[in-house]
Protein backbone atom coordinates (compact mmCIF):
# COMPACT_ATOMS: atom_id res chain seq x y z
CA MET A 1 130.63 -117.90 -87.14
CA ASP A 2 129.38 -115.12 -84.78
CA SER A 3 126.93 -112.23 -85.98
CA VAL A 4 128.18 -108.59 -85.95
CA LEU A 5 126.45 -105.25 -86.21
CA LEU A 6 127.69 -103.52 -89.58
CA GLU A 7 127.25 -99.95 -90.41
CA ARG A 8 124.86 -99.39 -93.52
CA ASN A 9 127.07 -96.78 -94.88
CA PRO A 10 130.63 -98.08 -93.93
CA PRO A 11 133.26 -95.27 -93.08
CA VAL A 12 135.93 -97.07 -95.39
CA PRO A 13 135.72 -98.38 -98.87
CA VAL A 14 135.12 -102.06 -99.24
CA PRO A 15 137.51 -103.94 -101.78
CA GLN A 16 136.15 -105.84 -104.70
CA LEU A 17 135.47 -109.54 -103.83
CA HIS A 18 138.57 -110.65 -105.84
CA GLN A 19 140.62 -108.54 -103.75
CA LEU A 20 139.14 -110.25 -100.59
CA LEU A 21 139.40 -113.79 -101.69
CA PRO A 22 141.86 -115.62 -104.09
CA LEU A 23 139.64 -115.89 -107.15
CA THR A 24 139.48 -114.69 -110.79
CA CYS A 25 135.87 -114.64 -111.82
CA ARG A 26 134.96 -113.98 -115.51
CA LEU A 27 131.51 -112.28 -115.90
CA LYS A 28 129.40 -111.16 -118.81
CA VAL A 29 127.08 -108.16 -118.60
CA VAL A 30 124.32 -107.53 -121.19
CA ASP A 31 122.95 -103.77 -121.05
CA ILE A 32 119.83 -103.17 -123.02
CA GLY A 33 119.19 -99.45 -123.36
CA ALA A 34 122.79 -98.52 -122.68
CA ASN A 35 122.52 -94.76 -123.39
CA PRO A 36 124.89 -93.04 -120.88
CA ILE A 37 122.51 -90.47 -119.61
CA ASP A 38 122.26 -91.59 -116.03
CA GLY A 39 125.86 -91.51 -114.67
CA ASP A 40 127.72 -94.58 -113.68
CA VAL A 41 126.29 -97.82 -114.55
CA PRO A 42 125.56 -100.21 -111.61
CA TYR A 43 128.09 -102.83 -112.95
CA ALA A 44 131.07 -100.11 -113.13
CA PRO A 45 132.82 -102.11 -110.26
CA LEU A 46 132.90 -105.21 -112.48
CA LEU A 47 134.40 -103.34 -115.40
CA ALA A 48 137.01 -101.68 -113.12
CA ALA A 49 138.09 -105.09 -111.84
CA GLY A 50 138.90 -106.01 -115.49
CA HIS A 51 137.31 -109.48 -115.29
CA THR A 52 134.11 -108.60 -117.03
CA GLU A 53 132.81 -108.31 -120.64
CA VAL A 54 129.84 -105.94 -121.61
CA VAL A 55 127.63 -106.16 -124.55
CA GLY A 56 125.37 -103.12 -124.78
CA PHE A 57 122.40 -102.42 -127.11
CA GLU A 58 121.65 -98.78 -128.16
CA PRO A 59 119.59 -97.91 -131.28
CA ASN A 60 119.91 -94.07 -130.77
CA PRO A 61 122.86 -93.18 -133.10
CA ALA A 62 124.04 -90.13 -131.06
CA ALA A 63 124.12 -92.31 -127.95
CA LEU A 64 125.80 -95.24 -129.58
CA ALA A 65 128.42 -92.92 -130.82
CA LYS A 66 129.09 -91.68 -127.20
CA LEU A 67 129.32 -95.13 -126.01
CA ASN A 68 131.73 -96.22 -128.70
CA GLU A 69 133.81 -93.08 -127.87
CA LEU A 70 134.15 -93.99 -124.21
CA LYS A 71 134.21 -97.81 -124.28
CA GLY A 72 136.96 -99.85 -122.93
CA PRO A 73 138.67 -103.01 -124.46
CA ASN A 74 136.14 -105.22 -122.82
CA GLU A 75 132.86 -103.43 -124.13
CA THR A 76 131.12 -103.90 -127.46
CA TYR A 77 127.89 -101.72 -128.45
CA LEU A 78 125.35 -102.92 -130.95
CA PRO A 79 122.85 -100.67 -132.86
CA HIS A 80 119.90 -102.88 -132.15
CA ALA A 81 116.55 -102.28 -130.37
CA VAL A 82 115.78 -105.43 -128.40
CA GLY A 83 112.39 -106.87 -128.46
CA ASP A 84 110.31 -109.67 -130.16
CA GLY A 85 112.09 -109.60 -133.36
CA GLY A 86 109.45 -107.71 -135.12
CA ARG A 87 109.26 -104.32 -136.81
CA ARG A 88 108.24 -101.63 -134.28
CA ALA A 89 107.99 -97.89 -134.10
CA LEU A 90 110.67 -96.11 -132.04
CA ARG A 91 108.99 -93.07 -130.47
CA ILE A 92 111.81 -90.41 -129.91
CA CYS A 93 110.80 -88.02 -127.33
CA ARG A 94 111.81 -84.46 -126.51
CA LEU A 95 113.44 -85.83 -123.41
CA PRO A 96 115.79 -88.61 -124.77
CA GLY A 97 115.35 -90.58 -121.50
CA MET A 98 111.68 -90.87 -122.31
CA THR A 99 112.39 -92.46 -125.71
CA SER A 100 110.25 -95.81 -126.11
CA LEU A 101 108.76 -98.43 -128.40
CA LEU A 102 105.69 -97.68 -126.54
CA LYS A 103 103.36 -94.33 -126.95
CA PRO A 104 103.79 -92.03 -124.11
CA ASN A 105 100.52 -91.89 -122.04
CA GLN A 106 99.68 -88.36 -121.89
CA LYS A 107 96.66 -88.79 -119.59
CA VAL A 108 99.28 -89.98 -116.92
CA LEU A 109 102.14 -87.80 -117.68
CA SER A 110 99.88 -84.76 -117.41
CA LEU A 111 99.36 -85.39 -113.83
CA PHE A 112 103.02 -84.49 -112.98
CA TYR A 113 105.31 -81.23 -113.85
CA GLY A 114 107.23 -81.47 -116.87
CA PHE A 115 106.29 -85.04 -118.02
CA ALA A 116 103.77 -84.05 -120.67
CA ASP A 117 106.35 -81.81 -122.47
CA TRP A 118 109.26 -84.16 -121.89
CA GLY A 119 107.06 -87.01 -123.23
CA GLU A 120 106.22 -85.37 -126.42
CA VAL A 121 107.06 -87.40 -129.76
CA VAL A 122 109.31 -85.31 -131.64
CA GLU A 123 110.15 -88.38 -134.47
CA THR A 124 109.07 -91.81 -135.04
CA VAL A 125 111.43 -94.14 -136.61
CA GLU A 126 110.47 -97.71 -137.89
CA LEU A 127 113.00 -100.38 -137.12
CA GLU A 128 113.51 -104.03 -136.80
CA THR A 129 114.00 -105.35 -133.21
CA VAL A 130 115.98 -108.36 -132.34
CA ARG A 131 115.41 -111.05 -129.82
CA LEU A 132 117.95 -111.52 -127.06
CA ASP A 133 118.18 -115.17 -127.81
CA ASP A 134 118.87 -114.63 -131.48
CA THR A 135 121.81 -112.42 -130.71
CA PRO A 136 125.05 -114.72 -130.28
CA GLN A 137 127.05 -112.01 -128.58
CA THR A 138 124.65 -112.28 -125.53
CA ALA A 139 125.27 -116.01 -124.84
CA GLY A 140 126.48 -116.78 -121.41
CA LEU A 141 125.27 -113.70 -119.69
CA ASP A 142 125.48 -113.35 -115.98
CA LEU A 143 124.16 -109.90 -115.11
CA LEU A 144 121.21 -108.30 -117.37
CA LYS A 145 120.72 -104.72 -116.93
CA ILE A 146 117.81 -103.32 -118.87
CA ASP A 147 116.01 -99.83 -119.04
CA ILE A 148 113.96 -99.10 -122.25
CA GLN A 149 110.96 -97.34 -120.87
CA GLY A 150 108.36 -99.97 -120.73
CA GLY A 151 109.56 -102.50 -123.14
CA GLU A 152 111.36 -104.80 -120.39
CA LEU A 153 108.70 -107.40 -120.17
CA LEU A 154 108.69 -107.89 -124.03
CA VAL A 155 112.53 -108.65 -124.04
CA PHE A 156 112.03 -111.06 -121.09
CA GLN A 157 109.25 -113.05 -122.93
CA ASN A 158 111.21 -113.26 -126.02
CA ALA A 159 114.53 -114.33 -124.11
CA PRO A 160 113.57 -117.74 -122.46
CA GLU A 161 117.34 -118.99 -123.12
CA ARG A 162 119.01 -116.07 -121.78
CA LEU A 163 116.96 -115.80 -118.71
CA GLY A 164 117.49 -119.41 -118.05
CA GLY A 165 121.20 -118.63 -117.47
CA ALA A 166 121.09 -115.10 -116.00
CA LEU A 167 121.96 -114.57 -112.39
CA VAL A 168 121.16 -111.12 -111.63
CA ILE A 169 118.67 -108.80 -113.30
CA HIS A 170 118.62 -105.09 -113.01
CA THR A 171 115.47 -103.66 -114.60
CA GLU A 172 113.61 -100.49 -114.55
CA VAL A 173 109.84 -101.17 -113.32
CA GLU A 174 107.05 -98.63 -113.30
CA PHE A 175 104.21 -98.52 -110.88
CA MET A 176 101.82 -96.07 -113.10
CA PRO A 177 101.33 -96.63 -116.81
CA MET A 178 103.65 -93.68 -118.14
CA TYR A 179 103.29 -95.31 -121.70
CA VAL A 180 100.10 -96.78 -123.31
CA GLY A 181 99.61 -100.44 -122.56
CA GLN A 182 102.76 -100.65 -120.55
CA PRO A 183 103.32 -103.72 -118.17
CA LEU A 184 103.80 -102.61 -114.69
CA PHE A 185 105.94 -103.72 -111.73
CA ALA A 186 103.44 -106.44 -110.88
CA ASP A 187 103.61 -107.95 -114.50
CA VAL A 188 107.34 -108.17 -114.48
CA ASP A 189 107.40 -109.29 -110.95
CA LEU A 190 105.08 -112.16 -111.59
CA PHE A 191 107.03 -113.14 -114.66
CA LEU A 192 110.42 -113.47 -113.29
CA ARG A 193 109.21 -115.18 -110.16
CA ALA A 194 107.77 -117.79 -112.36
CA ARG A 195 111.20 -118.25 -113.81
CA GLY A 196 113.07 -118.84 -110.56
CA PHE A 197 114.04 -115.16 -109.69
CA MET A 198 113.16 -113.29 -106.41
CA LEU A 199 113.07 -109.71 -105.87
CA HIS A 200 116.19 -108.39 -103.86
CA ARG A 201 115.62 -104.76 -103.61
CA PHE A 202 114.65 -101.37 -105.18
CA GLU A 203 117.00 -98.75 -105.80
CA PRO A 204 115.91 -96.07 -105.84
CA LEU A 205 112.29 -95.49 -105.35
CA VAL A 206 111.38 -92.38 -107.68
CA THR A 207 108.42 -90.23 -106.44
CA ARG A 208 106.66 -87.05 -107.95
CA ASP A 209 103.98 -84.62 -106.81
CA ILE A 210 100.78 -84.54 -108.54
CA LYS A 211 99.70 -81.10 -109.75
CA PRO A 212 98.83 -78.43 -108.89
CA LEU A 213 100.71 -78.99 -105.47
CA LEU A 214 104.47 -78.82 -105.48
CA PHE A 215 106.70 -79.06 -102.32
CA GLY A 216 109.74 -76.86 -103.15
CA ALA A 217 110.75 -75.40 -106.44
CA ASP A 218 112.25 -78.53 -107.86
CA PRO A 219 109.85 -80.64 -109.92
CA TYR A 220 112.47 -83.64 -110.05
CA VAL A 221 112.01 -83.80 -106.13
CA GLY A 222 108.89 -85.59 -105.09
CA HIS A 223 107.43 -87.10 -101.93
CA SER A 224 104.04 -88.52 -102.73
CA GLN A 225 103.27 -90.63 -105.75
CA LEU A 226 105.59 -93.47 -106.62
CA LEU A 227 106.35 -93.84 -110.36
CA TRP A 228 109.07 -95.99 -111.01
CA ALA A 229 112.44 -97.86 -109.50
CA ASP A 230 115.14 -100.06 -110.54
CA ALA A 231 114.42 -103.55 -109.12
CA ILE A 232 117.19 -106.01 -108.53
CA TYR A 233 116.31 -109.67 -108.85
CA VAL A 234 118.58 -112.52 -108.02
CA ARG A 235 118.13 -116.40 -108.22
CA ASP A 236 115.69 -117.70 -105.50
CA LEU A 237 117.81 -118.05 -102.34
CA LEU A 238 115.47 -120.82 -101.30
CA ARG A 239 116.31 -122.72 -104.37
CA LEU A 240 120.15 -122.69 -104.47
CA GLU A 241 120.31 -126.41 -105.61
CA ALA A 242 119.42 -124.97 -109.18
CA LEU A 243 122.81 -123.25 -109.30
CA GLY A 244 126.09 -124.65 -110.02
CA PRO A 245 129.30 -123.75 -107.81
CA GLU A 246 130.59 -121.29 -110.45
CA GLN A 247 127.11 -119.76 -110.58
CA LEU A 248 127.08 -119.19 -106.65
CA LEU A 249 130.46 -117.71 -106.96
CA LYS A 250 129.49 -115.32 -109.81
CA THR A 251 126.27 -114.20 -108.03
CA ALA A 252 128.35 -113.53 -104.90
CA VAL A 253 130.91 -111.23 -106.81
CA ILE A 254 127.89 -109.13 -108.53
CA LEU A 255 126.04 -108.59 -105.31
CA HIS A 256 129.25 -107.60 -103.38
CA ASP A 257 130.89 -105.61 -106.14
CA CYS A 258 127.70 -103.69 -107.62
CA TYR A 259 125.34 -103.80 -104.77
CA LYS A 260 127.15 -103.98 -101.63
CA SER A 261 124.83 -107.02 -100.64
CA TYR A 262 127.34 -108.53 -98.17
CA ASP A 263 124.92 -110.56 -96.38
CA VAL A 264 123.56 -112.35 -99.37
CA ALA A 265 127.14 -112.67 -100.82
CA LEU A 266 128.05 -114.41 -97.57
CA TYR A 267 125.05 -116.57 -97.85
CA LEU A 268 126.12 -117.73 -101.22
CA LEU A 269 129.64 -118.25 -100.20
CA ARG A 270 128.85 -120.51 -97.50
CA GLU A 271 126.71 -122.73 -100.00
CA TYR A 272 129.69 -122.77 -102.31
CA ASP A 273 132.04 -123.87 -99.53
CA ARG A 274 129.73 -126.56 -98.51
CA ARG A 275 129.82 -128.04 -101.87
CA THR A 276 133.62 -127.48 -102.70
CA GLY A 277 135.29 -127.93 -99.17
CA LEU A 278 136.72 -124.54 -99.42
CA ASP A 279 136.93 -121.71 -96.77
CA PHE A 280 135.85 -118.69 -98.76
CA ALA A 281 132.75 -117.79 -96.41
CA ASP A 282 134.96 -117.66 -93.29
CA ARG A 283 137.76 -115.66 -94.86
CA TYR A 284 134.98 -113.30 -96.49
CA PHE A 285 133.30 -112.90 -92.94
CA GLY A 286 136.59 -112.30 -91.38
CA ALA A 287 137.44 -109.48 -93.83
CA ILE A 288 134.32 -107.57 -93.89
CA THR A 289 133.90 -107.73 -90.21
CA ARG A 290 137.38 -106.45 -89.91
CA LEU A 291 136.60 -103.55 -92.36
CA LEU A 292 133.08 -102.66 -90.96
CA ALA A 293 132.16 -104.08 -87.82
CA THR A 294 130.94 -101.41 -85.11
CA ALA A 295 129.92 -103.83 -82.32
CA PRO A 296 129.98 -107.46 -81.81
CA GLN A 297 126.55 -108.96 -81.09
CA GLY A 298 127.72 -112.27 -79.61
CA LEU A 299 125.04 -114.16 -81.55
CA SER A 300 125.72 -117.41 -83.58
């Protein structure tokens, strides 16, 4: 199998993995904080393939109604806040995307344009949270996507069973404590690494300018202080013996379809073939190189 140089942004669309290989792979996605305010979800290609079930959580009634209005036949949305199973205060902020179980940290938010106003708490609602492990609809999840403004580690800490079966985690992480007592990226990273995951990549890294300097007129465009990112975690690639053949295949599908991580997908397919005697890796390599190759390197 020779190496090839692939364009980072290929000029042609790459088909989904099930279109390149003769496979049907049933997947389950759990989306915690499914409020549809940020455009397409990262697992949209999986839904489009028709082989994926989505179970989402959204305690905001207006956002939940919107999700139910737009949902497809393989989507279910539950009105629960996910946490430790205890009673918590949901702090509804002026900007809905900042609503959290944690109190906004105005000392930090005031460093940046807009955030102090956006993070103003306009209503506090007492509610019961649910543990992911106690919600039967989430059993058998493959991809966990979570964005709940600082509450992610609390969910992970109270979901050992679900994390034990998860293959890919897509989680928001913060690098500054935008909420009081909020765990930061280092805390989340240490927790997930201790449970067999490794960081695959960030997308995107979000920066903002610290007041009073503002480069340009748009406060949403920063260039300096790193605030947050979405972090993509996968099962440790150096410990693939912990995964069964079906898990290898599912992970390859998620990484190909959702993240265009063709190199990791190929790596997983080679291990799948080693165990099963199939030739998916060679067929995949041939397909993507025909689509994307720009210059052979001639390296083994």
